């Protein structure tokens, strides 16, 4: 099972690097917001895989709170961008 955890974390790391590239390159602010949301989700997934691999779920409530904050932040940022586009 350890090999499976390693493969999963490797895939998440590669996907995280590609998402980081999208975050840096853009081109639009909405693309960057979505890339940041995906990056936070991948970090949360990697942390969850690590928790399962160690058989330690003490930080699960922290993961839930961070996921909710990331979701609220992404929705708020997207709403503000849409409002800004409507003003033009």
N, C-alpha and C. Protein backbone atom coordinates (compact mmCIF):
# COMPACT_ATOMS: atom_id res chain seq x y z
N UNK A 1 0.81 -1.19 0.00
CA UNK A 1 0.00 0.00 0.00
C UNK A 1 0.85 1.26 0.00
N UNK A 2 2.07 1.18 0.51
CA UNK A 2 2.95 2.34 0.56
C UNK A 2 3.28 2.83 -0.84
N UNK A 3 3.42 1.92 -1.79
CA UNK A 3 3.71 2.31 -3.16
C UNK A 3 2.56 3.13 -3.74
N UNK A 4 1.35 2.73 -3.42
CA UNK A 4 0.18 3.46 -3.89
C UNK A 4 0.14 4.88 -3.34
N UNK A 5 0.49 5.05 -2.07
CA UNK A 5 0.56 6.39 -1.49
C UNK A 5 1.63 7.22 -2.17
N UNK A 6 2.76 6.61 -2.45
CA UNK A 6 3.84 7.33 -3.13
C UNK A 6 3.45 7.76 -4.53
N UNK A 7 2.79 6.87 -5.26
CA UNK A 7 2.33 7.22 -6.62
C UNK A 7 1.30 8.34 -6.56
N UNK A 8 0.39 8.26 -5.61
CA UNK A 8 -0.64 9.29 -5.47
C UNK A 8 -0.02 10.65 -5.15
N UNK A 9 0.92 10.67 -4.24
CA UNK A 9 1.58 11.93 -3.88
C UNK A 9 2.42 12.48 -5.04
N UNK A 10 3.01 11.59 -5.82
CA UNK A 10 3.78 12.04 -6.99
C UNK A 10 2.87 12.66 -8.03
N UNK A 11 1.74 12.03 -8.30
CA UNK A 11 0.79 12.59 -9.26
C UNK A 11 0.27 13.94 -8.77
N UNK A 12 -0.03 14.04 -7.48
CA UNK A 12 -0.49 15.32 -6.93
C UNK A 12 0.60 16.39 -7.03
N UNK A 13 1.86 16.01 -6.83
CA UNK A 13 2.95 16.97 -6.92
C UNK A 13 3.12 17.48 -8.35
N UNK A 14 3.04 16.59 -9.32
CA UNK A 14 3.17 17.00 -10.73
C UNK A 14 1.99 17.90 -11.12
N UNK A 15 0.80 17.52 -10.70
CA UNK A 15 -0.37 18.34 -10.99
C UNK A 15 -0.25 19.70 -10.29
N UNK A 16 0.30 19.71 -9.10
CA UNK A 16 0.51 20.97 -8.38
C UNK A 16 1.49 21.88 -9.10
N UNK A 17 2.54 21.31 -9.66
CA UNK A 17 3.50 22.12 -10.41
C UNK A 17 2.86 22.71 -11.67
N UNK A 18 2.07 21.91 -12.36
CA UNK A 18 1.38 22.42 -13.54
C UNK A 18 0.37 23.50 -13.18
N UNK A 19 -0.29 23.33 -12.05
CA UNK A 19 -1.24 24.34 -11.59
C UNK A 19 -0.51 25.61 -11.17
N UNK A 20 0.64 25.45 -10.56
CA UNK A 20 1.46 26.62 -10.20
C UNK A 20 1.89 27.38 -11.44
N UNK A 21 2.19 26.67 -12.50
CA UNK A 21 2.52 27.32 -13.77
C UNK A 21 1.33 28.14 -14.28
N UNK A 22 0.13 27.59 -14.20
CA UNK A 22 -1.07 28.32 -14.62
C UNK A 22 -1.29 29.53 -13.72
N UNK A 23 -0.98 29.40 -12.45
CA UNK A 23 -1.14 30.50 -11.51
C UNK A 23 -0.21 31.65 -11.85
N UNK A 24 0.99 31.34 -12.26
CA UNK A 24 1.97 32.37 -12.59
C UNK A 24 1.68 33.00 -13.95
N UNK A 25 1.34 32.18 -14.93
CA UNK A 25 1.18 32.67 -16.30
C UNK A 25 -0.15 33.38 -16.54
N UNK A 26 -1.19 33.01 -15.83
CA UNK A 26 -2.48 33.69 -16.01
C UNK A 26 -3.28 33.14 -17.16
N UNK A 27 -3.72 33.87 -18.09
CA UNK A 27 -3.53 35.29 -18.39
C UNK A 27 -4.51 36.21 -17.65
N UNK A 28 -5.66 35.72 -17.28
CA UNK A 28 -6.66 36.58 -16.65
C UNK A 28 -6.66 36.35 -15.14
N UNK A 29 -7.24 37.29 -14.42
CA UNK A 29 -7.31 37.18 -12.97
C UNK A 29 -8.18 35.99 -12.56
N UNK A 30 -9.22 35.73 -13.31
CA UNK A 30 -10.09 34.60 -12.98
C UNK A 30 -9.36 33.27 -13.14
N UNK A 31 -8.47 33.18 -14.13
CA UNK A 31 -7.64 31.98 -14.29
C UNK A 31 -6.74 31.78 -13.08
N UNK A 32 -6.18 32.86 -12.59
CA UNK A 32 -5.30 32.77 -11.43
C UNK A 32 -6.07 32.37 -10.18
N UNK A 33 -7.28 32.90 -10.04
CA UNK A 33 -8.11 32.55 -8.88
C UNK A 33 -8.45 31.07 -8.90
N UNK A 34 -8.83 30.58 -10.05
CA UNK A 34 -9.18 29.16 -10.16
C UNK A 34 -7.95 28.28 -9.94
N UNK A 35 -6.80 28.70 -10.45
CA UNK A 35 -5.57 27.93 -10.25
C UNK A 35 -5.20 27.89 -8.77
N UNK A 36 -5.39 28.99 -8.07
CA UNK A 36 -5.10 29.00 -6.64
C UNK A 36 -6.06 28.08 -5.88
N UNK A 37 -7.31 28.07 -6.27
CA UNK A 37 -8.29 27.18 -5.64
C UNK A 37 -7.93 25.72 -5.88
N UNK A 38 -7.54 25.40 -7.11
CA UNK A 38 -7.14 24.02 -7.43
C UNK A 38 -5.87 23.65 -6.66
N UNK A 39 -4.94 24.59 -6.53
CA UNK A 39 -3.70 24.32 -5.81
C UNK A 39 -3.97 24.04 -4.34
N UNK A 40 -4.85 24.82 -3.73
CA UNK A 40 -5.21 24.58 -2.33
C UNK A 40 -5.89 23.22 -2.19
N UNK A 41 -6.73 22.88 -3.14
CA UNK A 41 -7.41 21.58 -3.10
C UNK A 41 -6.40 20.44 -3.21
N UNK A 42 -5.40 20.60 -4.05
CA UNK A 42 -4.39 19.55 -4.19
C UNK A 42 -3.52 19.43 -2.94
N UNK A 43 -3.23 20.55 -2.30
CA UNK A 43 -2.48 20.49 -1.04
C UNK A 43 -3.31 19.78 0.03
N UNK A 44 -4.60 20.08 0.05
CA UNK A 44 -5.48 19.39 1.00
C UNK A 44 -5.55 17.90 0.70
N UNK A 45 -5.62 17.54 -0.57
CA UNK A 45 -5.65 16.12 -0.95
C UNK A 45 -4.34 15.43 -0.56
N UNK A 46 -3.23 16.10 -0.79
CA UNK A 46 -1.94 15.52 -0.39
C UNK A 46 -1.83 15.34 1.11
N UNK A 47 -2.34 16.30 1.85
CA UNK A 47 -2.35 16.18 3.31
C UNK A 47 -3.25 15.04 3.76
N UNK A 48 -4.39 14.89 3.10
CA UNK A 48 -5.29 13.79 3.43
C UNK A 48 -4.65 12.43 3.13
N UNK A 49 -3.95 12.33 2.01
CA UNK A 49 -3.26 11.08 1.68
C UNK A 49 -2.18 10.79 2.73
N UNK A 50 -1.47 11.83 3.14
CA UNK A 50 -0.46 11.65 4.18
C UNK A 50 -1.06 11.21 5.51
N UNK A 51 -2.23 11.75 5.82
CA UNK A 51 -2.91 11.34 7.05
C UNK A 51 -3.31 9.87 7.00
N UNK A 52 -3.81 9.45 5.86
CA UNK A 52 -4.20 8.05 5.71
C UNK A 52 -2.97 7.14 5.75
N UNK A 53 -1.88 7.57 5.14
CA UNK A 53 -0.67 6.76 5.13
C UNK A 53 -0.11 6.59 6.55
N UNK A 54 -0.23 7.64 7.37
CA UNK A 54 0.27 7.57 8.75
C UNK A 54 -0.76 7.03 9.72
N UNK A 55 -1.98 6.84 9.25
CA UNK A 55 -3.09 6.38 10.08
C UNK A 55 -3.32 7.32 11.26
N UNK A 56 -3.29 8.63 10.95
CA UNK A 56 -3.45 9.67 11.96
C UNK A 56 -4.43 10.71 11.43
N UNK A 57 -5.59 10.80 12.02
CA UNK A 57 -6.62 11.71 11.52
C UNK A 57 -6.86 12.89 12.45
N UNK A 58 -5.87 13.25 13.23
CA UNK A 58 -6.07 14.34 14.20
C UNK A 58 -6.21 15.70 13.53
N UNK A 59 -5.69 15.87 12.34
CA UNK A 59 -5.77 17.17 11.68
C UNK A 59 -6.91 17.24 10.66
N UNK A 60 -7.82 16.30 10.69
CA UNK A 60 -8.95 16.31 9.75
C UNK A 60 -9.84 17.54 9.92
N UNK A 61 -10.15 17.99 11.13
CA UNK A 61 -10.96 19.21 11.25
C UNK A 61 -10.28 20.44 10.64
N UNK A 62 -8.97 20.50 10.74
CA UNK A 62 -8.24 21.61 10.13
C UNK A 62 -8.40 21.58 8.62
N UNK A 63 -8.35 20.40 8.03
CA UNK A 63 -8.54 20.27 6.59
C UNK A 63 -9.92 20.76 6.17
N UNK A 64 -10.92 20.44 6.95
CA UNK A 64 -12.29 20.87 6.63
C UNK A 64 -12.40 22.38 6.68
N UNK A 65 -11.83 22.99 7.70
CA UNK A 65 -11.89 24.44 7.84
C UNK A 65 -11.14 25.13 6.70
N UNK A 66 -9.96 24.65 6.36
CA UNK A 66 -9.19 25.25 5.27
C UNK A 66 -9.92 25.08 3.94
N UNK A 67 -10.54 23.95 3.72
CA UNK A 67 -11.29 23.74 2.48
C UNK A 67 -12.48 24.69 2.39
N UNK A 68 -13.18 24.89 3.49
CA UNK A 68 -14.30 25.83 3.49
C UNK A 68 -13.84 27.26 3.26
N UNK A 69 -12.74 27.65 3.88
CA UNK A 69 -12.21 29.00 3.68
C UNK A 69 -11.74 29.21 2.24
N UNK A 70 -11.12 28.19 1.66
CA UNK A 70 -10.69 28.30 0.28
C UNK A 70 -11.88 28.44 -0.66
N UNK A 71 -12.92 27.68 -0.40
CA UNK A 71 -14.12 27.77 -1.23
C UNK A 71 -14.77 29.15 -1.12
N UNK A 72 -14.91 29.64 0.09
CA UNK A 72 -15.52 30.96 0.28
C UNK A 72 -14.67 32.05 -0.36
N UNK A 73 -13.37 31.94 -0.22
CA UNK A 73 -12.47 32.91 -0.85
C UNK A 73 -12.56 32.90 -2.36
N UNK A 74 -12.63 31.73 -2.95
CA UNK A 74 -12.72 31.63 -4.41
C UNK A 74 -14.04 32.19 -4.93
N UNK A 75 -15.11 31.87 -4.24
CA UNK A 75 -16.42 32.38 -4.66
C UNK A 75 -16.47 33.89 -4.53
N UNK A 76 -15.93 34.42 -3.46
CA UNK A 76 -15.91 35.87 -3.25
C UNK A 76 -15.06 36.57 -4.30
N UNK A 77 -13.89 36.03 -4.59
CA UNK A 77 -13.03 36.64 -5.59
C UNK A 77 -13.67 36.60 -6.98
N UNK A 78 -14.28 35.48 -7.32
CA UNK A 78 -14.95 35.38 -8.62
C UNK A 78 -16.12 36.36 -8.70
N UNK A 79 -16.84 36.52 -7.60
CA UNK A 79 -17.95 37.47 -7.58
C UNK A 79 -17.44 38.90 -7.77
N UNK A 80 -16.34 39.25 -7.14
CA UNK A 80 -15.78 40.59 -7.28
C UNK A 80 -15.28 40.84 -8.70
N UNK A 81 -14.70 39.83 -9.31
CA UNK A 81 -14.21 39.98 -10.69
C UNK A 81 -15.39 40.19 -11.63
N UNK A 82 -16.46 39.42 -11.43
CA UNK A 82 -17.64 39.60 -12.26
C UNK A 82 -18.25 40.99 -12.08
N UNK A 83 -18.26 41.48 -10.85
CA UNK A 83 -18.77 42.82 -10.60
C UNK A 83 -17.92 43.86 -11.32
N UNK A 84 -16.61 43.67 -11.28
CA UNK A 84 -15.69 44.62 -11.93
C UNK A 84 -15.90 44.61 -13.44
N UNK A 85 -16.15 43.42 -14.03
CA UNK A 85 -16.39 43.35 -15.46
C UNK A 85 -17.70 44.02 -15.83
N UNK A 86 -18.69 43.95 -14.95
CA UNK A 86 -19.98 44.57 -15.22
C UNK A 86 -19.91 46.08 -15.16
N UNK A 87 -18.93 46.64 -14.46
CA UNK A 87 -18.80 48.08 -14.35
C UNK A 87 -18.24 48.71 -15.61
N UNK A 88 -17.56 47.96 -16.41
CA UNK A 88 -16.92 48.51 -17.61
C UNK A 88 -17.91 48.82 -18.67
